């Protein structure tokens, strides 16, 4: 017996490229003064405002991840410029760093 597809399954089959990657649930971050706790909702039950707040929360997470990624890239490049090899630890690569050099 074939079951009726869910709304989410139907949305995922739409021609828009990214709809196929829609999550089952969205995380709506807490809002200062308005909502003290984060809320998790099924896509089908989310309001359009819920989507907007979830997007804002994901954009914030994305910015944080991008900054961490950029920091790791910078650290890697600095270590290589200091002559570090693949098996060198970060502590060894920067053992001779001075406070003056760190403050640049």
PDB file of N, CA and C in Angstrom:
ATOM      1  N   UNK A   1       0.844  -1.176   0.000  1.00  0.00           N
ATOM      2  CA  UNK A   1       0.000   0.000   0.000  1.00  0.00           C
ATOM      3  C   UNK A   1       0.892   1.244   0.000  1.00  0.00           C
ATOM      4  N   UNK A   2       0.646   2.117  -0.946  1.00  0.00           N
ATOM      5  CA  UNK A   2       1.436   3.330  -1.062  1.00  0.00           C
ATOM      6  C   UNK A   2       0.854   4.401  -0.141  1.00  0.00           C
ATOM      7  N   UNK A   3       1.736   5.021   0.648  1.00  0.00           N
ATOM      8  CA  UNK A   3       1.269   6.064   1.562  1.00  0.00           C
ATOM      9  C   UNK A   3       1.341   7.418   0.877  1.00  0.00           C
ATOM     10  N   UNK A   4       0.511   8.309   1.335  1.00  0.00           N
ATOM     11  CA  UNK A   4       0.462   9.667   0.802  1.00  0.00           C
ATOM     12  C   UNK A   4       1.737  10.404   1.237  1.00  0.00           C
ATOM     13  N   UNK A   5       2.411  11.101   0.307  1.00  0.00           N
ATOM     14  CA  UNK A   5       3.631  11.822   0.690  1.00  0.00           C
ATOM     15  C   UNK A   5       3.312  12.963   1.664  1.00  0.00           C
ATOM     16  N   UNK A   6       4.244  13.229   2.548  1.00  0.00           N
ATOM     17  CA  UNK A   6       4.083  14.328   3.500  1.00  0.00           C
ATOM     18  C   UNK A   6       4.323  15.650   2.786  1.00  0.00           C
ATOM     19  N   UNK A   7       3.914  16.722   3.409  1.00  0.00           N
ATOM     20  CA  UNK A   7       4.151  18.053   2.856  1.00  0.00           C
ATOM     21  C   UNK A   7       5.642  18.275   2.635  1.00  0.00           C
ATOM     22  N   UNK A   8       6.463  17.873   3.588  1.00  0.00           N
ATOM     23  CA  UNK A   8       7.910  18.052   3.462  1.00  0.00           C
ATOM     24  C   UNK A   8       8.448  17.284   2.252  1.00  0.00           C
ATOM     25  N   UNK A   9       7.972  16.072   2.049  1.00  0.00           N
ATOM     26  CA  UNK A   9       8.396  15.286   0.882  1.00  0.00           C
ATOM     27  C   UNK A   9       8.005  15.984  -0.417  1.00  0.00           C
ATOM     28  N   UNK A  10       6.811  16.559  -0.445  1.00  0.00           N
ATOM     29  CA  UNK A  10       6.361  17.285  -1.635  1.00  0.00           C
ATOM     30  C   UNK A  10       7.208  18.536  -1.860  1.00  0.00           C
ATOM     31  N   UNK A  11       7.522  19.251  -0.789  1.00  0.00           N
ATOM     32  CA  UNK A  11       8.360  20.445  -0.913  1.00  0.00           C
ATOM     33  C   UNK A  11       9.750  20.089  -1.419  1.00  0.00           C
ATOM     34  N   UNK A  12      10.281  18.984  -0.932  1.00  0.00           N
ATOM     35  CA  UNK A  12      11.621  18.564  -1.346  1.00  0.00           C
ATOM     36  C   UNK A  12      11.679  18.187  -2.831  1.00  0.00           C
ATOM     37  N   UNK A  13      10.550  17.887  -3.427  1.00  0.00           N
ATOM     38  CA  UNK A  13      10.508  17.516  -4.838  1.00  0.00           C
ATOM     39  C   UNK A  13      10.297  18.724  -5.758  1.00  0.00           C
ATOM     40  N   UNK A  14      10.163  19.911  -5.190  1.00  0.00           N
ATOM     41  CA  UNK A  14       9.981  21.114  -5.990  1.00  0.00           C
ATOM     42  C   UNK A  14      11.255  21.414  -6.777  1.00  0.00           C
ATOM     43  N   UNK A  15      11.127  22.136  -7.900  1.00  0.00           N
ATOM     44  CA  UNK A  15      12.300  22.391  -8.755  1.00  0.00           C
ATOM     45  C   UNK A  15      13.347  23.326  -8.143  1.00  0.00           C
ATOM     46  N   UNK A  16      12.985  24.093  -7.129  1.00  0.00           N
ATOM     47  CA  UNK A  16      13.968  24.967  -6.498  1.00  0.00           C
ATOM     48  C   UNK A  16      15.063  24.100  -5.893  1.00  0.00           C
ATOM     49  N   UNK A  17      16.293  24.402  -6.245  1.00  0.00           N
ATOM     50  CA  UNK A  17      17.435  23.536  -5.954  1.00  0.00           C
ATOM     51  C   UNK A  17      17.618  23.201  -4.473  1.00  0.00           C
ATOM     52  N   UNK A  18      17.471  24.154  -3.588  1.00  0.00           N
ATOM     53  CA  UNK A  18      17.805  23.921  -2.191  1.00  0.00           C
ATOM     54  C   UNK A  18      16.661  23.338  -1.364  1.00  0.00           C
ATOM     55  N   UNK A  19      15.480  23.295  -1.901  1.00  0.00           N
ATOM     56  CA  UNK A  19      14.367  22.727  -1.135  1.00  0.00           C
ATOM     57  C   UNK A  19      14.588  21.252  -0.833  1.00  0.00           C
ATOM     58  N   UNK A  20      15.340  20.563  -1.673  1.00  0.00           N
ATOM     59  CA  UNK A  20      15.578  19.131  -1.425  1.00  0.00           C
ATOM     60  C   UNK A  20      16.382  18.908  -0.136  1.00  0.00           C
ATOM     61  N   UNK A  21      17.036  19.958   0.357  1.00  0.00           N
ATOM     62  CA  UNK A  21      17.843  19.847   1.576  1.00  0.00           C
ATOM     63  C   UNK A  21      17.131  20.408   2.804  1.00  0.00           C
ATOM     64  N   UNK A  22      15.843  20.664   2.694  1.00  0.00           N
ATOM     65  CA  UNK A  22      15.112  21.192   3.843  1.00  0.00           C
ATOM     66  C   UNK A  22      15.212  20.237   5.028  1.00  0.00           C
ATOM     67  N   UNK A  23      15.431  20.789   6.211  1.00  0.00           N
ATOM     68  CA  UNK A  23      15.472  19.928   7.404  1.00  0.00           C
ATOM     69  C   UNK A  23      14.064  19.539   7.839  1.00  0.00           C
ATOM     70  N   UNK A  24      13.990  18.485   8.605  1.00  0.00           N
ATOM     71  CA  UNK A  24      12.695  18.075   9.171  1.00  0.00           C
ATOM     72  C   UNK A  24      12.191  19.134  10.153  1.00  0.00           C
ATOM     73  N   UNK A  25      13.142  19.684  10.920  1.00  0.00           N
ATOM     74  CA  UNK A  25      12.824  20.648  11.975  1.00  0.00           C
ATOM     75  C   UNK A  25      13.694  21.886  11.815  1.00  0.00           C
ATOM     76  N   UNK A  26      13.204  22.993  12.359  1.00  0.00           N
ATOM     77  CA  UNK A  26      14.025  24.198  12.416  1.00  0.00           C
ATOM     78  C   UNK A  26      14.199  24.595  13.868  1.00  0.00           C
ATOM     79  N   UNK A  27      15.323  25.255  14.133  1.00  0.00           N
ATOM     80  CA  UNK A  27      15.612  25.748  15.475  1.00  0.00           C
ATOM     81  C   UNK A  27      15.408  27.253  15.466  1.00  0.00           C
ATOM     82  N   UNK A  28      14.526  27.700  16.341  1.00  0.00           N
ATOM     83  CA  UNK A  28      14.226  29.119  16.453  1.00  0.00           C
ATOM     84  C   UNK A  28      14.902  29.604  17.731  1.00  0.00           C
ATOM     85  N   UNK A  29      15.928  30.463  17.603  1.00  0.00           N
ATOM     86  CA  UNK A  29      16.677  30.882  18.783  1.00  0.00           C
ATOM     87  C   UNK A  29      15.815  31.673  19.763  1.00  0.00           C
ATOM     88  N   UNK A  30      16.257  31.686  21.005  1.00  0.00           N
ATOM     89  CA  UNK A  30      15.597  32.494  22.024  1.00  0.00           C
ATOM     90  C   UNK A  30      15.679  33.963  21.616  1.00  0.00           C
ATOM     91  N   UNK A  31      14.674  34.718  21.989  1.00  0.00           N
ATOM     92  CA  UNK A  31      14.661  36.155  21.705  1.00  0.00           C
ATOM     93  C   UNK A  31      14.710  36.907  23.021  1.00  0.00           C
ATOM     94  N   UNK A  32      15.638  37.827  23.127  1.00  0.00           N
ATOM     95  CA  UNK A  32      15.774  38.611  24.365  1.00  0.00           C
ATOM     96  C   UNK A  32      14.443  39.242  24.756  1.00  0.00           C
ATOM     97  N   UNK A  33      13.961  38.858  25.923  1.00  0.00           N
ATOM     98  CA  UNK A  33      12.758  39.448  26.465  1.00  0.00           C
ATOM     99  C   UNK A  33      11.452  38.889  25.912  1.00  0.00           C
ATOM    100  N   UNK A  34      11.469  38.310  24.734  1.00  0.00           N
ATOM    101  CA  UNK A  34      10.231  37.814  24.128  1.00  0.00           C
ATOM    102  C   UNK A  34      10.051  36.312  24.237  1.00  0.00           C
ATOM    103  N   UNK A  35      11.136  35.576  24.103  1.00  0.00           N
ATOM    104  CA  UNK A  35      11.080  34.117  24.194  1.00  0.00           C
ATOM    105  C   UNK A  35      12.364  33.670  24.873  1.00  0.00           C
ATOM    106  N   UNK A  36      12.287  33.210  26.122  1.00  0.00           N
ATOM    107  CA  UNK A  36      13.505  32.898  26.874  1.00  0.00           C
ATOM    108  C   UNK A  36      14.248  31.654  26.393  1.00  0.00           C
ATOM    109  N   UNK A  37      13.554  30.730  25.750  1.00  0.00           N
ATOM    110  CA  UNK A  37      14.180  29.472  25.345  1.00  0.00           C
ATOM    111  C   UNK A  37      14.089  29.280  23.839  1.00  0.00           C
ATOM    112  N   UNK A  38      15.050  28.541  23.334  1.00  0.00           N
ATOM    113  CA  UNK A  38      15.027  28.163  21.932  1.00  0.00           C
ATOM    114  C   UNK A  38      13.851  27.216  21.698  1.00  0.00           C
ATOM    115  N   UNK A  39      13.294  27.263  20.510  1.00  0.00           N
ATOM    116  CA  UNK A  39      12.161  26.416  20.145  1.00  0.00           C
ATOM    117  C   UNK A  39      12.550  25.606  18.911  1.00  0.00           C
ATOM    118  N   UNK A  40      12.178  24.339  18.905  1.00  0.00           N
ATOM    119  CA  UNK A  40      12.383  23.496  17.734  1.00  0.00           C
ATOM    120  C   UNK A  40      11.003  23.136  17.199  1.00  0.00           C
ATOM    121  N   UNK A  41      10.795  23.407  15.899  1.00  0.00           N
ATOM    122  CA  UNK A  41       9.496  23.119  15.288  1.00  0.00           C
ATOM    123  C   UNK A  41       9.664  22.322  14.020  1.00  0.00           C
ATOM    124  N   UNK A  42       8.720  21.471  13.749  1.00  0.00           N
ATOM    125  CA  UNK A  42       8.669  20.782  12.457  1.00  0.00           C
ATOM    126  C   UNK A  42       8.410  21.823  11.384  1.00  0.00           C
ATOM    127  N   UNK A  43       8.977  21.634  10.222  1.00  0.00           N
ATOM    128  CA  UNK A  43       8.788  22.570   9.113  1.00  0.00           C
ATOM    129  C   UNK A  43       7.302  22.818   8.857  1.00  0.00           C
ATOM    130  N   UNK A  44       6.520  21.758   8.863  1.00  0.00           N
ATOM    131  CA  UNK A  44       5.098  21.890   8.558  1.00  0.00           C
ATOM    132  C   UNK A  44       4.354  22.763   9.561  1.00  0.00           C
ATOM    133  N   UNK A  45       4.853  22.830  10.790  1.00  0.00           N
ATOM    134  CA  UNK A  45       4.188  23.587  11.846  1.00  0.00           C
ATOM    135  C   UNK A  45       4.749  24.987  12.032  1.00  0.00           C
ATOM    136  N   UNK A  46       5.810  25.313  11.320  1.00  0.00           N
ATOM    137  CA  UNK A  46       6.476  26.605  11.493  1.00  0.00           C
ATOM    138  C   UNK A  46       5.692  27.720  10.806  1.00  0.00           C
ATOM    139  N   UNK A  47       5.702  28.884  11.452  1.00  0.00           N
ATOM    140  CA  UNK A  47       5.122  30.065  10.816  1.00  0.00           C
ATOM    141  C   UNK A  47       6.189  30.708   9.930  1.00  0.00           C
ATOM    142  N   UNK A  48       5.763  31.640   9.116  1.00  0.00           N
ATOM    143  CA  UNK A  48       6.714  32.350   8.264  1.00  0.00           C
ATOM    144  C   UNK A  48       7.690  33.150   9.134  1.00  0.00           C
ATOM    145  N   UNK A  49       7.205  33.725  10.231  1.00  0.00           N
ATOM    146  CA  UNK A  49       8.113  34.405  11.172  1.00  0.00           C
ATOM    147  C   UNK A  49       9.108  33.415  11.778  1.00  0.00           C
ATOM    148  N   UNK A  50       8.659  32.200  12.091  1.00  0.00           N
ATOM    149  CA  UNK A  50       9.572  31.174  12.604  1.00  0.00           C
ATOM    150  C   UNK A  50      10.695  30.933  11.608  1.00  0.00           C
ATOM    151  N   UNK A  51      10.350  30.848  10.323  1.00  0.00           N
ATOM    152  CA  UNK A  51      11.377  30.664   9.296  1.00  0.00           C
ATOM    153  C   UNK A  51      12.367  31.828   9.323  1.00  0.00           C
ATOM    154  N   UNK A  52      11.859  33.044   9.422  1.00  0.00           N
ATOM    155  CA  UNK A  52      12.739  34.225   9.444  1.00  0.00           C
ATOM    156  C   UNK A  52      13.689  34.175  10.633  1.00  0.00           C
ATOM    157  N   UNK A  53      13.175  33.829  11.809  1.00  0.00           N
ATOM    158  CA  UNK A  53      14.033  33.760  12.994  1.00  0.00           C
ATOM    159  C   UNK A  53      15.041  32.616  12.887  1.00  0.00           C
ATOM    160  N   UNK A  54      14.613  31.493  12.316  1.00  0.00           N
ATOM    161  CA  UNK A  54      15.537  30.370  12.115  1.00  0.00           C
ATOM    162  C   UNK A  54      16.653  30.763  11.161  1.00  0.00           C
ATOM    163  N   UNK A  55      16.298  31.500  10.105  1.00  0.00           N
ATOM    164  CA  UNK A  55      17.307  31.977   9.153  1.00  0.00           C
ATOM    165  C   UNK A  55      18.307  32.884   9.855  1.00  0.00           C
ATOM    166  N   UNK A  56      17.818  33.802  10.673  1.00  0.00           N
ATOM    167  CA  UNK A  56      18.718  34.699  11.409  1.00  0.00           C
ATOM    168  C   UNK A  56      19.674  33.917  12.303  1.00  0.00           C
ATOM    169  N   UNK A  57      19.143  32.910  12.985  1.00  0.00           N
ATOM    170  CA  UNK A  57      19.990  32.099  13.859  1.00  0.00           C
ATOM    171  C   UNK A  57      21.042  31.337  13.079  1.00  0.00           C
ATOM    172  N   UNK A  58      20.654  30.790  11.923  1.00  0.00           N
ATOM    173  CA  UNK A  58      21.615  30.046  11.104  1.00  0.00           C
ATOM    174  C   UNK A  58      22.669  30.973  10.502  1.00  0.00           C
ATOM    175  N   UNK A  59      22.272  32.188  10.141  1.00  0.00           N
ATOM    176  CA  UNK A  59      23.244  33.152   9.618  1.00  0.00           C
ATOM    177  C   UNK A  59      24.278  33.506  10.680  1.00  0.00           C
ATOM    178  N   UNK A  60      23.838  33.657  11.920  1.00  0.00           N
ATOM    179  CA  UNK A  60      24.771  33.932  13.010  1.00  0.00           C
ATOM    180  C   UNK A  60      25.739  32.770  13.184  1.00  0.00           C
ATOM    181  N   UNK A  61      25.213  31.543  13.189  1.00  0.00           N
ATOM    182  CA  UNK A  61      26.076  30.357  13.298  1.00  0.00           C
ATOM    183  C   UNK A  61      27.064  30.296  12.139  1.00  0.00           C
ATOM    184  N   UNK A  62      26.583  30.614  10.949  1.00  0.00           N
ATOM    185  CA  UNK A  62      27.432  30.587   9.764  1.00  0.00           C
ATOM    186  C   UNK A  62      28.576  31.597   9.886  1.00  0.00           C
ATOM    187  N   UNK A  63      28.276  32.792  10.369  1.00  0.00           N
ATOM    188  CA  UNK A  63      29.328  33.808  10.555  1.00  0.00           C
ATOM    189  C   UNK A  63      30.367  33.337  11.567  1.00  0.00           C
ATOM    190  N   UNK A  64      29.905  32.719  12.655  1.00  0.00           N
ATOM    191  CA  UNK A  64      30.843  32.219  13.666  1.00  0.00           C
ATOM    192  C   UNK A  64      31.728  31.123  13.086  1.00  0.00           C
ATOM    193  N   UNK A  65      31.143  30.221  12.334  1.00  0.00           N
ATOM    194  CA  UNK A  65      31.919  29.140  11.708  1.00  0.00           C
ATOM    195  C   UNK A  65      32.918  29.716  10.714  1.00  0.00           C
ATOM    196  N   UNK A  66      32.493  30.703   9.942  1.00  0.00           N
ATOM    197  CA  UNK A  66      33.395  31.315   8.967  1.00  0.00           C
ATOM    198  C   UNK A  66      34.576  31.995   9.662  1.00  0.00           C
ATOM    199  N   UNK A  67      34.316  32.673  10.775  1.00  0.00           N
ATOM    200  CA  UNK A  67      35.413  33.322  11.524  1.00  0.00           C
ATOM    201  C   UNK A  67      36.377  32.284  12.079  1.00  0.00           C
ATOM    202  N   UNK A  68      35.851  31.189  12.612  1.00  0.00           N
ATOM    203  CA  UNK A  68      36.727  30.132  13.130  1.00  0.00           C
ATOM    204  C   UNK A  68      37.548  29.516  12.002  1.00  0.00           C
ATOM    205  N   UNK A  69      36.906  29.272  10.869  1.00  0.00           N
ATOM    206  CA  UNK A  69      37.605  28.720   9.714  1.00  0.00           C
ATOM    207  C   UNK A  69      38.712  29.661   9.257  1.00  0.00           C
ATOM    208  N   UNK A  70      38.419  30.943   9.188  1.00  0.00           N
ATOM    209  CA  UNK A  70      39.431  31.926   8.785  1.00  0.00           C
ATOM    210  C   UNK A  70      40.579  31.968   9.790  1.00  0.00           C
ATOM    211  N   UNK A  71      40.253  31.878  11.073  1.00  0.00           N
ATOM    212  CA  UNK A  71      41.291  31.854  12.099  1.00  0.00           C
ATOM    213  C   UNK A  71      42.200  30.644  11.961  1.00  0.00           C
ATOM    214  N   UNK A  72      41.609  29.481  11.706  1.00  0.00           N
ATOM    215  CA  UNK A  72      42.415  28.270  11.518  1.00  0.00           C
ATOM    216  C   UNK A  72      43.294  28.379  10.279  1.00  0.00           C
ATOM    217  N   UNK A  73      42.752  28.949   9.203  1.00  0.00           N
ATOM    218  CA  UNK A  73      43.564  29.143   7.992  1.00  0.00           C
ATOM    219  C   UNK A  73      44.737  30.068   8.268  1.00  0.00           C
ATOM    220  N   UNK A  74      44.456  31.179   8.973  1.00  0.00           N
ATOM    221  CA  UNK A  74      45.528  32.123   9.316  1.00  0.00           C
ATOM    222  C   UNK A  74      46.600  31.439  10.153  1.00  0.00           C
ATOM    223  N   UNK A  75      46.166  30.666  11.154  1.00  0.00           N
ATOM    224  CA  UNK A  75      47.110  29.966  12.021  1.00  0.00           C
ATOM    225  C   UNK A  75      47.958  28.993  11.220  1.00  0.00           C
ATOM    226  N   UNK A  76      47.335  28.244  10.325  1.00  0.00           N
ATOM    227  CA  UNK A  76      48.044  27.295   9.472  1.00  0.00           C
ATOM    228  C   UNK A  76      49.081  28.017   8.614  1.00  0.00           C
ATOM    229  N   UNK A  77      48.668  29.089   7.963  1.00  0.00           N
ATOM    230  CA  UNK A  77      49.586  29.823   7.090  1.00  0.00           C
ATOM    231  C   UNK A  77      50.736  30.441   7.874  1.00  0.00           C
ATOM    232  N   UNK A  78      50.443  30.972   9.056  1.00  0.00           N
ATOM    233  CA  UNK A  78      51.505  31.542   9.900  1.00  0.00           C
ATOM    234  C   UNK A  78      52.502  30.460  10.297  1.00  0.00           C
ATOM    235  N   UNK A  79      51.983  29.291  10.673  1.00  0.00           N
ATOM    236  CA  UNK A  79      52.863  28.196  11.093  1.00  0.00           C
ATOM    237  C   UNK A  79      53.748  27.751   9.934  1.00  0.00           C
ATOM    238  N   UNK A  80      53.180  27.620   8.750  1.00  0.00           N
ATOM    239  CA  UNK A  80      53.971  27.225   7.585  1.00  0.00           C
ATOM    240  C   UNK A  80      55.044  28.274   7.277  1.00  0.00           C
ATOM    241  N   UNK A  81      54.709  29.544   7.407  1.00  0.00           N
ATOM    242  CA  UNK A  81      55.686  30.613   7.168  1.00  0.00           C
ATOM    243  C   UNK A  81      56.813  30.567   8.194  1.00  0.00           C
ATOM    244  N   UNK A  82      56.521  30.032   9.360  1.00  0.00           N
ATOM    245  CA  UNK A  82      57.544  29.894  10.411  1.00  0.00           C
ATOM    246  C   UNK A  82      58.352  28.607  10.234  1.00  0.00           C
ATOM    247  N   UNK A  83      58.064  27.856   9.177  1.00  0.00           N
ATOM    248  CA  UNK A  83      58.822  26.649   8.881  1.00  0.00           C
ATOM    249  C   UNK A  83      58.245  25.371   9.451  1.00  0.00           C
ATOM    250  N   UNK A  84      57.033  25.423   9.963  1.00  0.00           N
ATOM    251  CA  UNK A  84      56.422  24.229  10.553  1.00  0.00           C
ATOM    252  C   UNK A  84      56.134  23.191   9.471  1.00  0.00           C
ATOM    253  N   UNK A  85      56.344  21.946   9.842  1.00  0.00           N
ATOM    254  CA  UNK A  85      56.038  20.818   8.965  1.00  0.00           C
ATOM    255  C   UNK A  85      54.709  20.211   9.407  1.00  0.00           C
ATOM    256  N   UNK A  86      54.227  19.243   8.667  1.00  0.00           N
ATOM    257  CA  UNK A  86      52.937  18.629   8.970  1.00  0.00           C
ATOM    258  C   UNK A  86      52.837  17.978  10.336  1.00  0.00           C
ATOM    259  N   UNK A  87      53.943  17.477  10.867  1.00  0.00           N
ATOM    260  CA  UNK A  87      53.917  16.797  12.164  1.00  0.00           C
ATOM    261  C   UNK A  87      54.256  17.733  13.317  1.00  0.00           C
ATOM    262  N   UNK A  88      54.541  18.993  13.018  1.00  0.00           N
ATOM    263  CA  UNK A  88      54.867  19.974  14.057  1.00  0.00           C
ATOM    264  C   UNK A  88      53.591  20.352  14.807  1.00  0.00           C
ATOM    265  N   UNK A  89      53.656  20.409  16.118  1.00  0.00           N
ATOM    266  CA  UNK A  89      52.484  20.862  16.880  1.00  0.00           C
ATOM    267  C   UNK A  89      52.400  22.378  16.825  1.00  0.00           C
ATOM    268  N   UNK A  90      51.219  22.888  17.073  1.00  0.00           N
ATOM    269  CA  UNK A  90      51.028  24.337  17.100  1.00  0.00           C
ATOM    270  C   UNK A  90      51.897  24.948  18.193  1.00  0.00           C
ATOM    271  N   UNK A  91      51.973  24.295  19.341  1.00  0.00           N
ATOM    272  CA  UNK A  91      52.798  24.806  20.440  1.00  0.00           C
ATOM    273  C   UNK A  91      54.255  24.918  20.019  1.00  0.00           C
ATOM    274  N   UNK A  92      54.761  23.916  19.313  1.00  0.00           N
ATOM    275  CA  UNK A  92      56.148  23.971  18.852  1.00  0.00           C
ATOM    276  C   UNK A  92      56.340  25.041  17.778  1.00  0.00           C
ATOM    277  N   UNK A  93      55.378  25.172  16.896  1.00  0.00           N
ATOM    278  CA  UNK A  93      55.495  26.149  15.812  1.00  0.00           C
ATOM    279  C   UNK A  93      55.556  27.571  16.335  1.00  0.00           C
ATOM    280  N   UNK A  94      54.907  27.815  17.457  1.00  0.00           N
ATOM    281  CA  UNK A  94      54.844  29.169  17.995  1.00  0.00           C
ATOM    282  C   UNK A  94      55.563  29.301  19.338  1.00  0.00           C
ATOM    283  N   UNK A  95      56.460  28.360  19.635  1.00  0.00           N
ATOM    284  CA  UNK A  95      57.170  28.380  20.917  1.00  0.00           C
ATOM    285  C   UNK A  95      57.986  29.660  21.091  1.00  0.00           C
ATOM    286  N   UNK A  96      58.492  30.207  20.007  1.00  0.00           N
ATOM    287  CA  UNK A  96      59.355  31.385  20.132  1.00  0.00           C
ATOM    288  C   UNK A  96      58.612  32.694  19.888  1.00  0.00           C
ATOM    289  N   UNK A  97      57.285  32.652  19.820  1.00  0.00           N
ATOM    290  CA  UNK A  97      56.532  33.875  19.573  1.00  0.00           C
ATOM    291  C   UNK A  97      56.688  34.822  20.761  1.00  0.00           C
ATOM    292  N   UNK A  98      56.922  36.061  20.466  1.00  0.00           N
ATOM    293  CA  UNK A  98      57.085  37.055  21.531  1.00  0.00           C
ATOM    294  C   UNK A  98      55.769  37.801  21.746  1.00  0.00           C
ATOM    295  N   UNK A  99      55.639  38.411  22.904  1.00  0.00           N
ATOM    296  CA  UNK A  99      54.436  39.187  23.198  1.00  0.00           C
ATOM    297  C   UNK A  99      54.301  40.326  22.202  1.00  0.00           C
ATOM    298  N   UNK A 100      55.423  40.882  21.794  1.00  0.00           N
ATOM    299  CA  UNK A 100      55.412  41.981  20.835  1.00  0.00           C
ATOM    300  C   UNK A 100      54.895  41.493  19.486  1.00  0.00           C
ATOM    301  N   UNK A 101      55.366  40.322  19.054  1.00  0.00           N
ATOM    302  CA  UNK A 101      54.938  39.745  17.786  1.00  0.00           C
ATOM    303  C   UNK A 101      53.463  39.377  17.832  1.00  0.00           C
ATOM    304  N   UNK A 102      52.986  38.916  18.967  1.00  0.00           N
ATOM    305  CA  UNK A 102      51.592  38.502  19.113  1.00  0.00           C
ATOM    306  C   UNK A 102      50.653  39.700  19.082  1.00  0.00           C
ATOM    307  N   UNK A 103      51.129  40.859  19.442  1.00  0.00           N
ATOM    308  CA  UNK A 103      50.296  42.053  19.500  1.00  0.00           C
ATOM    309  C   UNK A 103      50.184  42.799  18.196  1.00  0.00           C
ATOM    310  N   UNK A 104      50.822  42.335  17.155  1.00  0.00           N
ATOM    311  CA  UNK A 104      50.762  43.042  15.859  1.00  0.00           C
ATOM    312  C   UNK A 104      49.354  43.132  15.355  1.00  0.00           C
TER     313      UNK A 104
END
